[in-house]
Amino acid sequence: MKRIDILNEIFSNFQQITQWIPNNFSSASKYMFRSECLIEILEVEDCGSTGGFDFNSPVILETNFHLYDRFLAVLKKYNKKEDIEEVCNFNVDDIQKYFIQVSKLRDNLKK
């Protein structure tokens, strides 16, 4: 499987996560675990370890969802955001905005 195919599969899984949260966490979790496994394959290929420790493509905390930030790091390593196909009218930036908004909603509940 080519790197771009893995990235597209990860992106598709994140789109599924947005579909299932908050109504069906078991389905959202399934897609989250699939994403994490595929991200780890690319991380090991890139730098030999998992968790976002690649010095050449560091994880930047920008979405309040660490797993998506790790995806963005492996995406940016060799590819542009435009290389990922849009799935169900979502693009990489839309899902990033989604996770930021979900985090803000959660923060508002604490107040």
N, C-alpha and C. Protein backbone atom coordinates (compact mmCIF):
# COMPACT_ATOMS: atom_id res chain seq x y z
N MET A 1 0.85 -1.18 0.00
CA MET A 1 0.00 0.00 0.00
C MET A 1 0.90 1.24 0.00
N LYS A 2 0.59 2.18 -0.86
CA LYS A 2 1.37 3.40 -0.96
C LYS A 2 1.06 4.33 0.22
N ARG A 3 2.00 5.19 0.52
CA ARG A 3 1.83 6.16 1.61
C ARG A 3 0.57 7.01 1.41
N ILE A 4 0.33 7.47 0.20
CA ILE A 4 -0.83 8.33 -0.05
C ILE A 4 -2.13 7.56 0.19
N ASP A 5 -2.14 6.27 -0.12
CA ASP A 5 -3.32 5.45 0.15
C ASP A 5 -3.57 5.31 1.65
N ILE A 6 -2.49 5.15 2.41
CA ILE A 6 -2.62 5.07 3.87
C ILE A 6 -3.14 6.39 4.43
N LEU A 7 -2.59 7.49 3.94
CA LEU A 7 -3.05 8.81 4.39
C LEU A 7 -4.53 9.03 4.07
N ASN A 8 -4.95 8.62 2.89
CA ASN A 8 -6.36 8.75 2.52
C ASN A 8 -7.24 7.88 3.40
N GLU A 9 -6.77 6.70 3.74
CA GLU A 9 -7.55 5.83 4.63
C GLU A 9 -7.66 6.44 6.03
N ILE A 10 -6.58 7.00 6.52
CA ILE A 10 -6.61 7.68 7.82
C ILE A 10 -7.61 8.82 7.78
N PHE A 11 -7.55 9.61 6.72
CA PHE A 11 -8.47 10.74 6.59
C PHE A 11 -9.92 10.28 6.55
N SER A 12 -10.17 9.21 5.84
CA SER A 12 -11.51 8.65 5.78
C SER A 12 -11.98 8.21 7.17
N ASN A 13 -11.07 7.63 7.93
CA ASN A 13 -11.41 7.22 9.31
C ASN A 13 -11.75 8.43 10.17
N PHE A 14 -11.02 9.52 10.03
CA PHE A 14 -11.34 10.73 10.80
C PHE A 14 -12.70 11.29 10.40
N GLN A 15 -13.03 11.20 9.13
CA GLN A 15 -14.35 11.64 8.70
C GLN A 15 -15.42 10.80 9.38
N GLN A 16 -15.18 9.51 9.50
CA GLN A 16 -16.12 8.63 10.19
C GLN A 16 -16.24 9.00 11.68
N ILE A 17 -15.13 9.36 12.29
CA ILE A 17 -15.16 9.78 13.71
C ILE A 17 -16.09 10.97 13.86
N THR A 18 -15.99 11.94 12.96
CA THR A 18 -16.85 13.13 13.08
C THR A 18 -18.31 12.76 12.88
N GLN A 19 -18.57 11.74 12.10
CA GLN A 19 -19.95 11.31 11.86
C GLN A 19 -20.55 10.66 13.10
N TRP A 20 -19.76 9.89 13.84
CA TRP A 20 -20.28 9.10 14.95
C TRP A 20 -20.27 9.81 16.29
N ILE A 21 -19.43 10.84 16.46
CA ILE A 21 -19.44 11.60 17.72
C ILE A 21 -20.59 12.58 17.66
N PRO A 22 -21.40 12.77 18.65
CA PRO A 22 -21.38 12.16 19.97
C PRO A 22 -22.37 11.02 20.14
N ASN A 23 -23.00 10.57 19.08
CA ASN A 23 -24.10 9.62 19.22
C ASN A 23 -23.71 8.16 19.38
N ASN A 24 -22.54 7.79 18.90
CA ASN A 24 -22.14 6.38 18.96
C ASN A 24 -20.64 6.30 19.18
N PHE A 25 -20.24 6.36 20.44
CA PHE A 25 -18.81 6.38 20.77
C PHE A 25 -18.11 5.08 20.43
N SER A 26 -18.82 3.95 20.46
CA SER A 26 -18.15 2.70 20.12
C SER A 26 -17.72 2.69 18.65
N SER A 27 -18.57 3.21 17.77
CA SER A 27 -18.18 3.30 16.36
C SER A 27 -17.07 4.33 16.16
N ALA A 28 -17.17 5.47 16.84
CA ALA A 28 -16.12 6.49 16.75
C ALA A 28 -14.79 5.92 17.23
N SER A 29 -14.82 5.15 18.31
CA SER A 29 -13.59 4.55 18.85
C SER A 29 -12.97 3.57 17.86
N LYS A 30 -13.80 2.81 17.19
CA LYS A 30 -13.30 1.85 16.20
C LYS A 30 -12.49 2.57 15.12
N TYR A 31 -13.02 3.68 14.63
CA TYR A 31 -12.31 4.43 13.59
C TYR A 31 -11.09 5.16 14.15
N MET A 32 -11.15 5.55 15.41
CA MET A 32 -10.01 6.20 16.04
C MET A 32 -8.85 5.20 16.16
N PHE A 33 -9.15 3.96 16.58
CA PHE A 33 -8.10 2.95 16.71
C PHE A 33 -7.51 2.59 15.34
N ARG A 34 -8.36 2.52 14.33
CA ARG A 34 -7.85 2.26 12.97
C ARG A 34 -6.90 3.37 12.53
N SER A 35 -7.31 4.61 12.78
CA SER A 35 -6.46 5.75 12.42
C SER A 35 -5.13 5.67 13.14
N GLU A 36 -5.19 5.40 14.43
CA GLU A 36 -3.95 5.35 15.22
C GLU A 36 -3.00 4.28 14.70
N CYS A 37 -3.52 3.12 14.37
CA CYS A 37 -2.65 2.04 13.85
C CYS A 37 -1.96 2.47 12.55
N LEU A 38 -2.72 3.07 11.66
CA LEU A 38 -2.14 3.50 10.39
C LEU A 38 -1.15 4.66 10.57
N ILE A 39 -1.46 5.57 11.48
CA ILE A 39 -0.52 6.67 11.78
C ILE A 39 0.77 6.09 12.33
N GLU A 40 0.67 5.09 13.21
CA GLU A 40 1.88 4.49 13.78
C GLU A 40 2.73 3.81 12.71
N ILE A 41 2.11 3.19 11.72
CA ILE A 41 2.87 2.58 10.63
C ILE A 41 3.71 3.66 9.93
N LEU A 42 3.09 4.81 9.64
CA LEU A 42 3.83 5.88 8.97
C LEU A 42 4.88 6.50 9.88
N GLU A 43 4.57 6.65 11.16
CA GLU A 43 5.55 7.21 12.09
C GLU A 43 6.79 6.31 12.19
N VAL A 44 6.59 5.00 12.29
CA VAL A 44 7.72 4.07 12.37
C VAL A 44 8.52 4.13 11.08
N GLU A 45 7.84 4.20 9.96
CA GLU A 45 8.53 4.31 8.67
C GLU A 45 9.35 5.59 8.60
N ASP A 46 8.81 6.68 9.16
CA ASP A 46 9.47 7.99 9.08
C ASP A 46 10.66 8.12 10.02
N CYS A 47 10.48 7.68 11.27
CA CYS A 47 11.55 7.97 12.24
C CYS A 47 11.87 6.81 13.18
N GLY A 48 11.17 5.69 13.05
CA GLY A 48 11.50 4.54 13.87
C GLY A 48 10.77 4.45 15.20
N SER A 49 9.92 5.41 15.52
CA SER A 49 9.15 5.34 16.76
C SER A 49 7.76 5.92 16.54
N THR A 50 6.90 5.69 17.52
CA THR A 50 5.52 6.19 17.41
C THR A 50 5.29 7.30 18.43
N GLY A 51 4.25 8.06 18.22
CA GLY A 51 3.87 9.08 19.19
C GLY A 51 4.19 10.50 18.77
N GLY A 52 4.76 10.67 17.59
CA GLY A 52 5.02 12.02 17.11
C GLY A 52 6.38 12.58 17.51
N PHE A 53 7.40 11.73 17.50
CA PHE A 53 8.73 12.17 17.91
C PHE A 53 9.68 12.41 16.76
N ASP A 54 9.15 12.59 15.58
CA ASP A 54 9.98 12.85 14.40
C ASP A 54 10.46 14.31 14.43
N PHE A 55 11.76 14.50 14.58
CA PHE A 55 12.32 15.85 14.66
C PHE A 55 12.17 16.61 13.35
N ASN A 56 12.09 15.89 12.23
CA ASN A 56 11.94 16.53 10.93
C ASN A 56 10.50 16.93 10.61
N SER A 57 9.57 16.38 11.35
CA SER A 57 8.15 16.70 11.15
C SER A 57 7.45 16.61 12.50
N PRO A 58 7.70 17.59 13.37
CA PRO A 58 7.16 17.51 14.73
C PRO A 58 5.64 17.67 14.77
N VAL A 59 5.05 17.10 15.80
CA VAL A 59 3.62 17.27 16.02
C VAL A 59 3.39 18.65 16.61
N ILE A 60 2.56 19.42 15.95
CA ILE A 60 2.20 20.76 16.43
C ILE A 60 0.80 20.65 17.01
N LEU A 61 0.65 21.01 18.27
CA LEU A 61 -0.65 20.91 18.93
C LEU A 61 -1.52 22.09 18.49
N GLU A 62 -2.44 21.78 17.54
CA GLU A 62 -3.25 22.86 16.99
C GLU A 62 -4.73 22.54 16.93
N THR A 63 -5.13 21.29 17.18
CA THR A 63 -6.54 20.92 17.03
C THR A 63 -7.19 20.50 18.34
N ASN A 64 -6.46 20.39 19.41
CA ASN A 64 -6.95 19.87 20.69
C ASN A 64 -7.32 18.39 20.60
N PHE A 65 -6.89 17.71 19.57
CA PHE A 65 -7.05 16.26 19.42
C PHE A 65 -5.70 15.73 18.95
N HIS A 66 -4.93 15.21 19.90
CA HIS A 66 -3.54 14.84 19.65
C HIS A 66 -3.41 13.87 18.47
N LEU A 67 -4.33 12.93 18.35
CA LEU A 67 -4.23 11.97 17.26
C LEU A 67 -4.35 12.65 15.89
N TYR A 68 -5.24 13.63 15.78
CA TYR A 68 -5.35 14.36 14.51
C TYR A 68 -4.10 15.21 14.26
N ASP A 69 -3.53 15.77 15.32
CA ASP A 69 -2.28 16.51 15.18
C ASP A 69 -1.16 15.60 14.69
N ARG A 70 -1.14 14.36 15.18
CA ARG A 70 -0.15 13.40 14.69
C ARG A 70 -0.37 13.09 13.21
N PHE A 71 -1.63 12.97 12.81
CA PHE A 71 -1.95 12.76 11.40
C PHE A 71 -1.42 13.92 10.56
N LEU A 72 -1.67 15.14 11.01
CA LEU A 72 -1.19 16.30 10.26
C LEU A 72 0.33 16.29 10.14
N ALA A 73 1.03 15.83 11.18
CA ALA A 73 2.49 15.77 11.13
C ALA A 73 2.97 14.78 10.08
N VAL A 74 2.37 13.57 10.05
CA VAL A 74 2.81 12.60 9.03
C VAL A 74 2.37 13.04 7.64
N LEU A 75 1.26 13.74 7.55
CA LEU A 75 0.82 14.27 6.26
C LEU A 75 1.81 15.30 5.73
N LYS A 76 2.22 16.21 6.61
CA LYS A 76 3.11 17.31 6.20
C LYS A 76 4.54 16.84 5.91
N LYS A 77 4.89 15.65 6.36
CA LYS A 77 6.25 15.15 6.18
C LYS A 77 6.64 15.13 4.70
N TYR A 78 5.81 14.56 3.84
CA TYR A 78 6.14 14.44 2.42
C TYR A 78 5.04 14.92 1.49
N ASN A 79 3.90 15.26 2.04
CA ASN A 79 2.74 15.58 1.22
C ASN A 79 2.17 16.95 1.57
N LYS A 80 1.40 17.47 0.66
CA LYS A 80 0.65 18.69 0.91
C LYS A 80 -0.77 18.30 1.27
N LYS A 81 -1.46 19.18 1.97
CA LYS A 81 -2.85 18.90 2.33
C LYS A 81 -3.68 18.59 1.09
N GLU A 82 -3.33 19.21 -0.01
CA GLU A 82 -4.10 19.02 -1.24
C GLU A 82 -3.97 17.61 -1.79
N ASP A 83 -2.97 16.85 -1.32
CA ASP A 83 -2.79 15.49 -1.80
C ASP A 83 -3.85 14.53 -1.26
N ILE A 84 -4.50 14.93 -0.17
CA ILE A 84 -5.52 14.08 0.42
C ILE A 84 -6.85 14.37 -0.28
N GLU A 85 -7.51 13.33 -0.72
CA GLU A 85 -8.79 13.49 -1.40
C GLU A 85 -9.86 13.96 -0.41
N GLU A 86 -10.79 14.72 -0.90
CA GLU A 86 -11.92 15.10 -0.07
C GLU A 86 -12.85 13.90 0.06
N VAL A 87 -13.33 13.69 1.27
CA VAL A 87 -14.25 12.59 1.55
C VAL A 87 -15.53 13.20 2.08
N CYS A 88 -16.64 12.94 1.42
CA CYS A 88 -17.94 13.45 1.86
C CYS A 88 -17.90 14.96 2.08
N ASN A 89 -17.27 15.66 1.18
CA ASN A 89 -17.17 17.13 1.22
C ASN A 89 -16.38 17.66 2.41
N PHE A 90 -15.60 16.85 3.06
CA PHE A 90 -14.70 17.29 4.11
C PHE A 90 -13.31 17.41 3.51
N ASN A 91 -12.55 18.34 4.03
CA ASN A 91 -11.13 18.37 3.68
C ASN A 91 -10.34 18.44 4.99
N VAL A 92 -9.05 18.40 4.90
CA VAL A 92 -8.20 18.35 6.08
C VAL A 92 -8.47 19.54 7.01
N ASP A 93 -8.63 20.73 6.46
CA ASP A 93 -8.87 21.92 7.28
C ASP A 93 -10.24 21.88 7.94
N ASP A 94 -11.25 21.35 7.24
CA ASP A 94 -12.60 21.27 7.82
C ASP A 94 -12.61 20.38 9.06
N ILE A 95 -11.95 19.24 8.97
CA ILE A 95 -11.94 18.34 10.13
C ILE A 95 -11.12 18.95 11.25
N GLN A 96 -10.05 19.68 10.92
CA GLN A 96 -9.28 20.38 11.94
C GLN A 96 -10.18 21.37 12.67
N LYS A 97 -10.96 22.14 11.94
CA LYS A 97 -11.89 23.10 12.55
C LYS A 97 -12.93 22.39 13.40
N TYR A 98 -13.37 21.22 12.95
CA TYR A 98 -14.35 20.43 13.70
C TYR A 98 -13.81 20.08 15.08
N PHE A 99 -12.59 19.54 15.14
CA PHE A 99 -12.03 19.14 16.42
C PHE A 99 -11.78 20.34 17.33
N ILE A 100 -11.41 21.46 16.77
CA ILE A 100 -11.23 22.67 17.58
C ILE A 100 -12.57 23.10 18.16
N GLN A 101 -13.63 23.08 17.36
CA GLN A 101 -14.96 23.48 17.84
C GLN A 101 -15.50 22.51 18.89
N VAL A 102 -15.28 21.21 18.69
CA VAL A 102 -15.71 20.23 19.69
C VAL A 102 -15.02 20.50 21.02
N SER A 103 -13.75 20.81 20.96
CA SER A 103 -13.01 21.12 22.19
C SER A 103 -13.55 22.37 22.86
N LYS A 104 -13.88 23.38 22.09
CA LYS A 104 -14.45 24.61 22.65
C LYS A 104 -15.81 24.35 23.29
N LEU A 105 -16.62 23.52 22.65
CA LEU A 105 -17.91 23.16 23.24
C LEU A 105 -17.72 22.48 24.58
N ARG A 106 -16.78 21.58 24.65
CA ARG A 106 -16.49 20.87 25.90
C ARG A 106 -16.03 21.86 26.96
N ASP A 107 -15.17 22.80 26.59
CA ASP A 107 -14.70 23.82 27.53
C ASP A 107 -15.85 24.67 28.04
N ASN A 108 -16.82 24.98 27.19
CA ASN A 108 -17.97 25.77 27.61
C ASN A 108 -18.84 25.05 28.62
N LEU A 109 -18.86 23.72 28.58
CA LEU A 109 -19.62 22.95 29.55
C LEU A 109 -19.04 23.03 30.94
N LYS A 110 -17.75 23.26 31.02
CA LYS A 110 -17.05 23.35 32.31
C LYS A 110 -17.38 24.62 33.05
N LYS A 111 -17.85 25.64 32.33
CA LYS A 111 -18.07 26.95 32.93
C LYS A 111 -19.36 27.02 33.69
